[in-house]
C-alpha atoms as a PDB file:
ATOM      1  CA  MET A   1      75.948 123.888 177.921  1.00  0.00           C
ATOM      2  CA  SER A   2      72.812 121.785 177.474  1.00  0.00           C
ATOM      3  CA  GLY A   3      72.889 118.292 176.040  1.00  0.00           C
ATOM      4  CA  GLY A   4      71.231 119.558 172.854  1.00  0.00           C
ATOM      5  CA  GLU A   5      73.823 122.314 172.370  1.00  0.00           C
ATOM      6  CA  LYS A   6      76.658 119.846 172.934  1.00  0.00           C
ATOM      7  CA  ARG A   7      75.234 117.425 170.357  1.00  0.00           C
ATOM      8  CA  ALA A   8      74.799 120.259 167.839  1.00  0.00           C
ATOM      9  CA  ARG A   9      78.434 121.357 168.207  1.00  0.00           C
ATOM     10  CA  GLU A  10      79.626 117.775 167.903  1.00  0.00           C
ATOM     11  CA  GLU A  11      77.585 117.478 164.679  1.00  0.00           C
ATOM     12  CA  VAL A  12      79.186 120.670 163.339  1.00  0.00           C
ATOM     13  CA  GLU A  13      82.668 119.289 164.081  1.00  0.00           C
ATOM     14  CA  ALA A  14      81.852 115.940 162.479  1.00  0.00           C
ATOM     15  CA  LEU A  15      80.682 117.657 159.306  1.00  0.00           C
ATOM     16  CA  LEU A  16      83.629 120.069 159.194  1.00  0.00           C
ATOM     17  CA  ALA A  17      85.995 117.101 159.438  1.00  0.00           C
ATOM     18  CA  GLN A  18      84.569 115.849 156.133  1.00  0.00           C
ATOM     19  CA  THR A  19      85.250 119.111 154.290  1.00  0.00           C
ATOM     20  CA  LYS A  20      88.400 120.601 152.800  1.00  0.00           C
ATOM     21  CA  VAL A  21      87.609 124.205 153.698  1.00  0.00           C
ATOM     22  CA  LYS A  22      90.345 126.419 155.104  1.00  0.00           C
ATOM     23  CA  ASP A  23      90.938 126.600 158.845  1.00  0.00           C
ATOM     24  CA  GLY A  24      89.821 130.225 158.927  1.00  0.00           C
ATOM     25  CA  VAL A  25      86.447 129.266 157.467  1.00  0.00           C
ATOM     26  CA  LYS A  26      86.084 126.476 160.019  1.00  0.00           C
ATOM     27  CA  GLU A  27      86.784 128.941 162.824  1.00  0.00           C
ATOM     28  CA  GLU A  28      84.072 131.274 161.547  1.00  0.00           C
ATOM     29  CA  ILE A  29      81.571 128.401 161.468  1.00  0.00           C
ATOM     30  CA  ARG A  30      82.588 127.407 165.000  1.00  0.00           C
ATOM     31  CA  ALA A  31      82.039 131.002 166.139  1.00  0.00           C
ATOM     32  CA  ILE A  32      78.506 130.811 164.731  1.00  0.00           C
ATOM     33  CA  ALA A  33      77.902 127.534 166.568  1.00  0.00           C
ATOM     34  CA  ASN A  34      79.257 129.021 169.790  1.00  0.00           C
ATOM     35  CA  ASN A  35      77.138 132.162 169.366  1.00  0.00           C
ATOM     36  CA  THR A  36      80.249 134.338 169.528  1.00  0.00           C
ATOM     37  CA  CYS A  37      80.173 135.688 165.956  1.00  0.00           C
ATOM     38  CA  GLY A  38      79.416 139.182 164.714  1.00  0.00           C
ATOM     39  CA  GLU A  39      76.184 140.227 163.042  1.00  0.00           C
ATOM     40  CA  ARG A  40      77.483 139.482 159.520  1.00  0.00           C
ATOM     41  CA  ILE A  41      79.555 136.558 158.233  1.00  0.00           C
ATOM     42  CA  ASN A  42      80.826 136.273 154.648  1.00  0.00           C
ATOM     43  CA  LEU A  43      81.571 132.679 153.666  1.00  0.00           C
ATOM     44  CA  GLY A  44      81.239 133.343 149.949  1.00  0.00           C
ATOM     45  CA  ASN A  45      83.428 131.287 147.587  1.00  0.00           C
ATOM     46  CA  SER A  46      84.757 129.125 150.424  1.00  0.00           C
ATOM     47  CA  GLY A  47      84.342 125.703 148.821  1.00  0.00           C
ATOM     48  CA  LEU A  48      81.674 124.604 151.283  1.00  0.00           C
ATOM     49  CA  GLY A  49      79.742 122.194 149.074  1.00  0.00           C
ATOM     50  CA  ASP A  50      76.748 120.375 150.526  1.00  0.00           C
ATOM     51  CA  ILE A  51      78.572 119.023 153.569  1.00  0.00           C
ATOM     52  CA  GLY A  52      79.935 122.458 154.455  1.00  0.00           C
ATOM     53  CA  ALA A  53      76.469 123.947 153.984  1.00  0.00           C
ATOM     54  CA  ARG A  54      75.081 121.318 156.370  1.00  0.00           C
ATOM     55  CA  ALA A  55      77.721 122.336 158.926  1.00  0.00           C
ATOM     56  CA  VAL A  56      76.747 125.993 158.534  1.00  0.00           C
ATOM     57  CA  ALA A  57      73.059 125.147 158.833  1.00  0.00           C
ATOM     58  CA  GLU A  58      73.647 123.192 162.045  1.00  0.00           C
ATOM     59  CA  ALA A  59      75.739 126.048 163.440  1.00  0.00           C
ATOM     60  CA  VAL A  60      73.167 128.726 162.597  1.00  0.00           C
ATOM     61  CA  LYS A  61      70.114 126.767 163.778  1.00  0.00           C
ATOM     62  CA  ASP A  62      70.136 128.066 167.365  1.00  0.00           C
ATOM     63  CA  ASN A  63      72.373 131.110 166.845  1.00  0.00           C
ATOM     64  CA  THR A  64      70.974 134.417 168.106  1.00  0.00           C
ATOM     65  CA  CYS A  65      73.653 136.961 167.079  1.00  0.00           C
ATOM     66  CA  LEU A  66      74.067 136.422 163.312  1.00  0.00           C
ATOM     67  CA  LYS A  67      71.878 138.699 161.180  1.00  0.00           C
ATOM     68  CA  GLU A  68      73.412 138.464 157.682  1.00  0.00           C
ATOM     69  CA  LEU A  69      74.980 135.384 156.049  1.00  0.00           C
ATOM     70  CA  ASP A  70      76.787 135.281 152.671  1.00  0.00           C
ATOM     71  CA  LEU A  71      77.069 131.827 151.080  1.00  0.00           C
ATOM     72  CA  TRP A  72      77.481 132.802 147.392  1.00  0.00           C
ATOM     73  CA  ASP A  73      79.439 130.602 144.948  1.00  0.00           C
ATOM     74  CA  ASN A  74      79.859 127.576 147.189  1.00  0.00           C
ATOM     75  CA  SER A  75      78.693 124.674 144.988  1.00  0.00           C
ATOM     76  CA  ILE A  76      75.718 124.154 147.294  1.00  0.00           C
ATOM     77  CA  GLY A  77      73.226 121.748 145.751  1.00  0.00           C
ATOM     78  CA  PRO A  78      69.750 120.596 146.792  1.00  0.00           C
ATOM     79  CA  GLU A  79      71.081 118.643 149.802  1.00  0.00           C
ATOM     80  CA  GLY A  80      72.747 121.710 151.276  1.00  0.00           C
ATOM     81  CA  ALA A  81      69.717 123.871 150.528  1.00  0.00           C
ATOM     82  CA  VAL A  82      67.416 121.420 152.315  1.00  0.00           C
ATOM     83  CA  ALA A  83      69.662 121.629 155.400  1.00  0.00           C
ATOM     84  CA  LEU A  84      69.584 125.433 155.276  1.00  0.00           C
ATOM     85  CA  ALA A  85      65.813 125.330 154.921  1.00  0.00           C
ATOM     86  CA  GLU A  86      65.560 123.177 158.041  1.00  0.00           C
ATOM     87  CA  MET A  87      67.714 125.754 159.842  1.00  0.00           C
ATOM     88  CA  LEU A  88      65.213 128.483 158.946  1.00  0.00           C
ATOM     89  CA  LYS A  89      62.535 126.549 160.813  1.00  0.00           C
ATOM     90  CA  HIS A  90      64.451 127.090 164.052  1.00  0.00           C
ATOM     91  CA  ASN A  91      66.465 130.293 163.665  1.00  0.00           C
ATOM     92  CA  THR A  92      64.769 133.534 164.710  1.00  0.00           C
ATOM     93  CA  ALA A  93      67.642 135.999 164.210  1.00  0.00           C
ATOM     94  CA  LEU A  94      68.819 135.745 160.579  1.00  0.00           C
ATOM     95  CA  THR A  95      67.368 138.530 158.420  1.00  0.00           C
ATOM     96  CA  TRP A  96      69.515 138.304 155.232  1.00  0.00           C
ATOM     97  CA  LEU A  97      70.667 135.198 153.333  1.00  0.00           C
ATOM     98  CA  ASP A  98      72.687 135.208 150.094  1.00  0.00           C
ATOM     99  CA  LEU A  99      72.847 131.937 148.132  1.00  0.00           C
ATOM    100  CA  GLU A 100      73.786 133.486 144.780  1.00  0.00           C
ATOM    101  CA  GLY A 101      75.636 131.336 142.268  1.00  0.00           C
ATOM    102  CA  ASN A 102      75.012 127.917 143.769  1.00  0.00           C
ATOM    103  CA  SER A 103      73.122 124.951 142.301  1.00  0.00           C
ATOM    104  CA  ILE A 104      70.172 124.491 144.634  1.00  0.00           C
ATOM    105  CA  GLY A 105      67.783 123.776 141.724  1.00  0.00           C
ATOM    106  CA  ASN A 106      64.031 123.502 142.063  1.00  0.00           C
ATOM    107  CA  GLN A 107      64.319 120.966 144.904  1.00  0.00           C
ATOM    108  CA  GLY A 108      66.308 123.396 147.032  1.00  0.00           C
ATOM    109  CA  ALA A 109      63.962 126.270 146.220  1.00  0.00           C
ATOM    110  CA  VAL A 110      60.919 124.175 147.147  1.00  0.00           C
ATOM    111  CA  ALA A 111      62.488 123.275 150.517  1.00  0.00           C
ATOM    112  CA  LEU A 112      63.368 126.891 151.294  1.00  0.00           C
ATOM    113  CA  ALA A 113      59.898 128.044 150.255  1.00  0.00           C
ATOM    114  CA  GLU A 114      58.218 125.513 152.540  1.00  0.00           C
ATOM    115  CA  MET A 115      60.180 126.691 155.590  1.00  0.00           C
ATOM    116  CA  LEU A 116      59.677 130.364 154.756  1.00  0.00           C
ATOM    117  CA  LYS A 117      55.939 129.854 155.131  1.00  0.00           C
ATOM    118  CA  HIS A 118      56.672 129.715 158.857  1.00  0.00           C
ATOM    119  CA  ASN A 119      59.859 131.782 159.322  1.00  0.00           C
ATOM    120  CA  THR A 120      59.155 135.314 160.593  1.00  0.00           C
ATOM    121  CA  ALA A 121      62.690 136.728 160.711  1.00  0.00           C
ATOM    122  CA  LEU A 122      64.217 136.612 157.190  1.00  0.00           C
ATOM    123  CA  LYS A 123      63.743 139.838 155.226  1.00  0.00           C
ATOM    124  CA  GLU A 124      65.953 139.436 152.140  1.00  0.00           C
ATOM    125  CA  LEU A 125      66.751 136.265 150.176  1.00  0.00           C
ATOM    126  CA  TYR A 126      69.146 136.102 147.220  1.00  0.00           C
ATOM    127  CA  LEU A 127      68.694 133.015 145.029  1.00  0.00           C
ATOM    128  CA  ASN A 128      70.033 134.494 141.787  1.00  0.00           C
ATOM    129  CA  ASN A 129      71.739 132.096 139.376  1.00  0.00           C
ATOM    130  CA  ASN A 130      70.547 128.847 140.954  1.00  0.00           C
ATOM    131  CA  SER A 131      68.548 127.110 138.178  1.00  0.00           C
ATOM    132  CA  ILE A 132      65.353 126.979 140.240  1.00  0.00           C
ATOM    133  CA  GLY A 133      63.129 127.063 137.128  1.00  0.00           C
ATOM    134  CA  ASP A 134      59.357 127.400 137.075  1.00  0.00           C
ATOM    135  CA  LYS A 135      58.832 124.754 139.750  1.00  0.00           C
ATOM    136  CA  GLY A 136      60.992 126.664 142.206  1.00  0.00           C
ATOM    137  CA  ALA A 137      59.332 129.975 141.327  1.00  0.00           C
ATOM    138  CA  VAL A 138      55.844 128.500 141.801  1.00  0.00           C
ATOM    139  CA  ALA A 139      56.848 127.186 145.236  1.00  0.00           C
ATOM    140  CA  LEU A 140      58.210 130.601 146.227  1.00  0.00           C
ATOM    141  CA  ALA A 141      54.999 132.204 144.992  1.00  0.00           C
ATOM    142  CA  GLU A 142      52.960 129.896 147.233  1.00  0.00           C
ATOM    143  CA  MET A 143      55.249 130.864 150.122  1.00  0.00           C
ATOM    144  CA  LEU A 144      54.449 134.541 149.551  1.00  0.00           C
ATOM    145  CA  LYS A 145      50.813 133.794 150.293  1.00  0.00           C
ATOM    146  CA  HIS A 146      51.790 132.923 153.870  1.00  0.00           C
ATOM    147  CA  ASN A 147      54.991 134.881 154.593  1.00  0.00           C
ATOM    148  CA  THR A 148      54.496 138.416 155.897  1.00  0.00           C
ATOM    149  CA  THR A 149      58.096 139.442 156.663  1.00  0.00           C
ATOM    150  CA  LEU A 150      60.148 138.893 153.474  1.00  0.00           C
ATOM    151  CA  THR A 151      60.721 142.275 151.805  1.00  0.00           C
ATOM    152  CA  GLY A 152      63.207 141.399 149.034  1.00  0.00           C
ATOM    153  CA  LEU A 153      63.636 138.411 146.699  1.00  0.00           C
ATOM    154  CA  ASN A 154      66.327 138.092 144.023  1.00  0.00           C
ATOM    155  CA  LEU A 155      65.565 135.472 141.347  1.00  0.00           C
ATOM    156  CA  TRP A 156      67.883 136.846 138.627  1.00  0.00           C
ATOM    157  CA  ASN A 157      68.950 134.285 135.976  1.00  0.00           C
ATOM    158  CA  ASN A 158      66.990 131.234 137.089  1.00  0.00           C
ATOM    159  CA  SER A 159      65.379 129.857 133.894  1.00  0.00           C
ATOM    160  CA  ILE A 160      61.973 131.091 135.046  1.00  0.00           C
ATOM    161  CA  GLY A 161      59.365 131.128 132.286  1.00  0.00           C
ATOM    162  CA  PRO A 162      55.792 132.400 132.016  1.00  0.00           C
ATOM    163  CA  GLU A 163      54.430 129.794 134.454  1.00  0.00           C
ATOM    164  CA  GLY A 164      56.671 130.959 137.276  1.00  0.00           C
ATOM    165  CA  ALA A 165      56.087 134.646 136.551  1.00  0.00           C
ATOM    166  CA  VAL A 166      52.294 134.227 136.451  1.00  0.00           C
ATOM    167  CA  ALA A 167      52.346 132.376 139.791  1.00  0.00           C
ATOM    168  CA  LEU A 168      54.446 135.113 141.408  1.00  0.00           C
ATOM    169  CA  ALA A 169      52.199 137.816 139.982  1.00  0.00           C
ATOM    170  CA  GLU A 170      49.058 136.153 141.322  1.00  0.00           C
ATOM    171  CA  MET A 171      50.416 135.905 144.864  1.00  0.00           C
ATOM    172  CA  LEU A 172      51.785 139.455 144.807  1.00  0.00           C
ATOM    173  CA  LYS A 173      48.281 140.791 144.262  1.00  0.00           C
ATOM    174  CA  HIS A 174      47.707 139.887 147.910  1.00  0.00           C
ATOM    175  CA  ASN A 175      51.180 140.004 149.538  1.00  0.00           C
ATOM    176  CA  THR A 176      51.793 143.338 151.289  1.00  0.00           C
ATOM    177  CA  ALA A 177      55.339 142.735 152.554  1.00  0.00           C
ATOM    178  CA  LEU A 178      57.575 142.319 149.482  1.00  0.00           C
ATOM    179  CA  THR A 179      58.949 145.666 148.267  1.00  0.00           C
ATOM    180  CA  TRP A 180      61.366 144.442 145.590  1.00  0.00           C
ATOM    181  CA  LEU A 181      61.600 141.492 143.207  1.00  0.00           C
ATOM    182  CA  ASP A 182      64.409 140.916 140.701  1.00  0.00           C
ATOM    183  CA  LEU A 183      63.512 138.673 137.749  1.00  0.00           C
ATOM    184  CA  GLN A 184      66.154 139.941 135.312  1.00  0.00           C
ATOM    185  CA  TYR A 185      67.702 137.478 132.832  1.00  0.00           C
ATOM    186  CA  ASN A 186      64.863 134.961 132.873  1.00  0.00           C
ATOM    187  CA  SER A 187      62.406 133.978 130.120  1.00  0.00           C
ATOM    188  CA  ILE A 188      59.053 135.225 131.382  1.00  0.00           C
ATOM    189  CA  GLY A 189      57.974 136.406 127.888  1.00  0.00           C
ATOM    190  CA  PRO A 190      54.927 138.575 127.109  1.00  0.00           C
ATOM    191  CA  GLU A 191      52.589 136.382 129.187  1.00  0.00           C
ATOM    192  CA  GLY A 192      54.666 136.802 132.324  1.00  0.00           C
ATOM    193  CA  ALA A 193      55.070 140.545 131.791  1.00  0.00           C
ATOM    194  CA  VAL A 194      51.323 141.050 131.283  1.00  0.00           C
ATOM    195  CA  ALA A 195      50.578 139.119 134.500  1.00  0.00           C
ATOM    196  CA  LEU A 196      53.081 141.193 136.479  1.00  0.00           C
ATOM    197  CA  ALA A 197      51.700 144.408 135.000  1.00  0.00           C
ATOM    198  CA  GLU A 198      48.175 143.403 136.041  1.00  0.00           C
ATOM    199  CA  MET A 199      49.455 142.616 139.548  1.00  0.00           C
ATOM    200  CA  LEU A 200      51.018 146.075 139.836  1.00  0.00           C
ATOM    201  CA  LYS A 201      47.634 147.688 139.234  1.00  0.00           C
ATOM    202  CA  HIS A 202      46.616 146.215 142.599  1.00  0.00           C
ATOM    203  CA  ASN A 203      49.880 145.961 144.560  1.00  0.00           C
ATOM    204  CA  THR A 204      50.696 149.067 146.624  1.00  0.00           C
ATOM    205  CA  THR A 205      53.927 147.998 148.331  1.00  0.00           C
ATOM    206  CA  MET A 206      56.315 147.080 145.490  1.00  0.00           C
ATOM    207  CA  THR A 207      58.888 149.792 144.807  1.00  0.00           C
ATOM    208  CA  LEU A 208      61.316 147.914 142.517  1.00  0.00           C
ATOM    209  CA  LEU A 209      60.788 145.268 139.824  1.00  0.00           C
ATOM    210  CA  GLY A 210      63.644 143.938 137.696  1.00  0.00           C
ATOM    211  CA  LEU A 211      62.594 142.542 134.303  1.00  0.00           C
ATOM    212  CA  TYR A 212      65.567 143.331 132.053  1.00  0.00           C
ATOM    213  CA  ASN A 213      66.346 140.715 129.363  1.00  0.00           C
ATOM    214  CA  ASN A 214      63.154 138.660 129.550  1.00  0.00           C
ATOM    215  CA  SER A 215      61.909 138.709 125.932  1.00  0.00           C
ATOM    216  CA  ILE A 216      58.703 140.448 126.975  1.00  0.00           C
ATOM    217  CA  GLY A 217      58.069 141.785 123.455  1.00  0.00           C
ATOM    218  CA  ASP A 218      55.789 144.658 122.467  1.00  0.00           C
ATOM    219  CA  GLU A 219      52.780 143.133 124.240  1.00  0.00           C
ATOM    220  CA  GLY A 220      54.604 142.969 127.561  1.00  0.00           C
ATOM    221  CA  ALA A 221      56.068 146.451 127.164  1.00  0.00           C
ATOM    222  CA  VAL A 222      52.662 147.991 126.394  1.00  0.00           C
ATOM    223  CA  ALA A 223      51.082 146.266 129.406  1.00  0.00           C
ATOM    224  CA  LEU A 224      53.808 147.591 131.714  1.00  0.00           C
ATOM    225  CA  ALA A 225      53.484 151.095 130.284  1.00  0.00           C
ATOM    226  CA  GLU A 226      49.724 151.079 130.871  1.00  0.00           C
ATOM    227  CA  MET A 227      50.270 149.806 134.421  1.00  0.00           C
ATOM    228  CA  LEU A 228      52.472 152.800 135.218  1.00  0.00           C
ATOM    229  CA  GLU A 229      49.466 155.046 134.626  1.00  0.00           C
ATOM    230  CA  HIS A 230      47.724 153.401 137.582  1.00  0.00           C
ATOM    231  CA  ASN A 231      50.540 152.415 139.955  1.00  0.00           C
ATOM    232  CA  THR A 232      51.837 155.194 142.222  1.00  0.00           C
ATOM    233  CA  THR A 233      54.290 153.241 144.410  1.00  0.00           C
ATOM    234  CA  LEU A 234      56.688 151.616 141.907  1.00  0.00           C
ATOM    235  CA  GLU A 235      59.877 153.696 141.832  1.00  0.00           C
ATOM    236  CA  THR A 236      62.163 151.513 139.679  1.00  0.00           C
ATOM    237  CA  LEU A 237      61.340 149.250 136.712  1.00  0.00           C
ATOM    238  CA  GLU A 238      64.536 147.753 135.339  1.00  0.00           C
END
């Protein structure tokens, strides 16, 4: 074991000692740190909090066997999200990350977006129900200008308004990797729907777009209907 690996494992243990998570959860995190885990680990609803998320991030940083990680409903705030973002700068194996139902806010979304400009492994990211708002959505949109590997992004129920939707639409005119985007239960309104409809006249890779419950009004609905006359790749519009 190298000096760096030893220090990383000591950091994981120090962080775990500050948490109240169950012993079984700690053992799973240790397995990640030791690179002896399976390809998928579900730590959803484990009471991790920010300190637990930092322990997970440290464990995953140099892991090469974990492909899919579930961290839903863990009371992870911006601090934990920043640690996970830093992990994504180093990890080259993780392809699927679920952070649904946490509280990462716009600060956490901005941090993740910044690291995903450089990460070339992650393919699906679930940030639904995290209160990222327009600021977080704009940061993720900017990320999509640089990232060429992310294929799925779930932003369901995130208080995203027209500003965030317009930013995402603009970047998706040029991004050729993302195949699905879920924006259900936001507040993009007619302006956001029109921008996304215009994007889909140009985008040839998107197969699914979720817009249910967004107050798009008649204007947004008409724009989307007209778009469908031009777009031949979209399979599902929810």
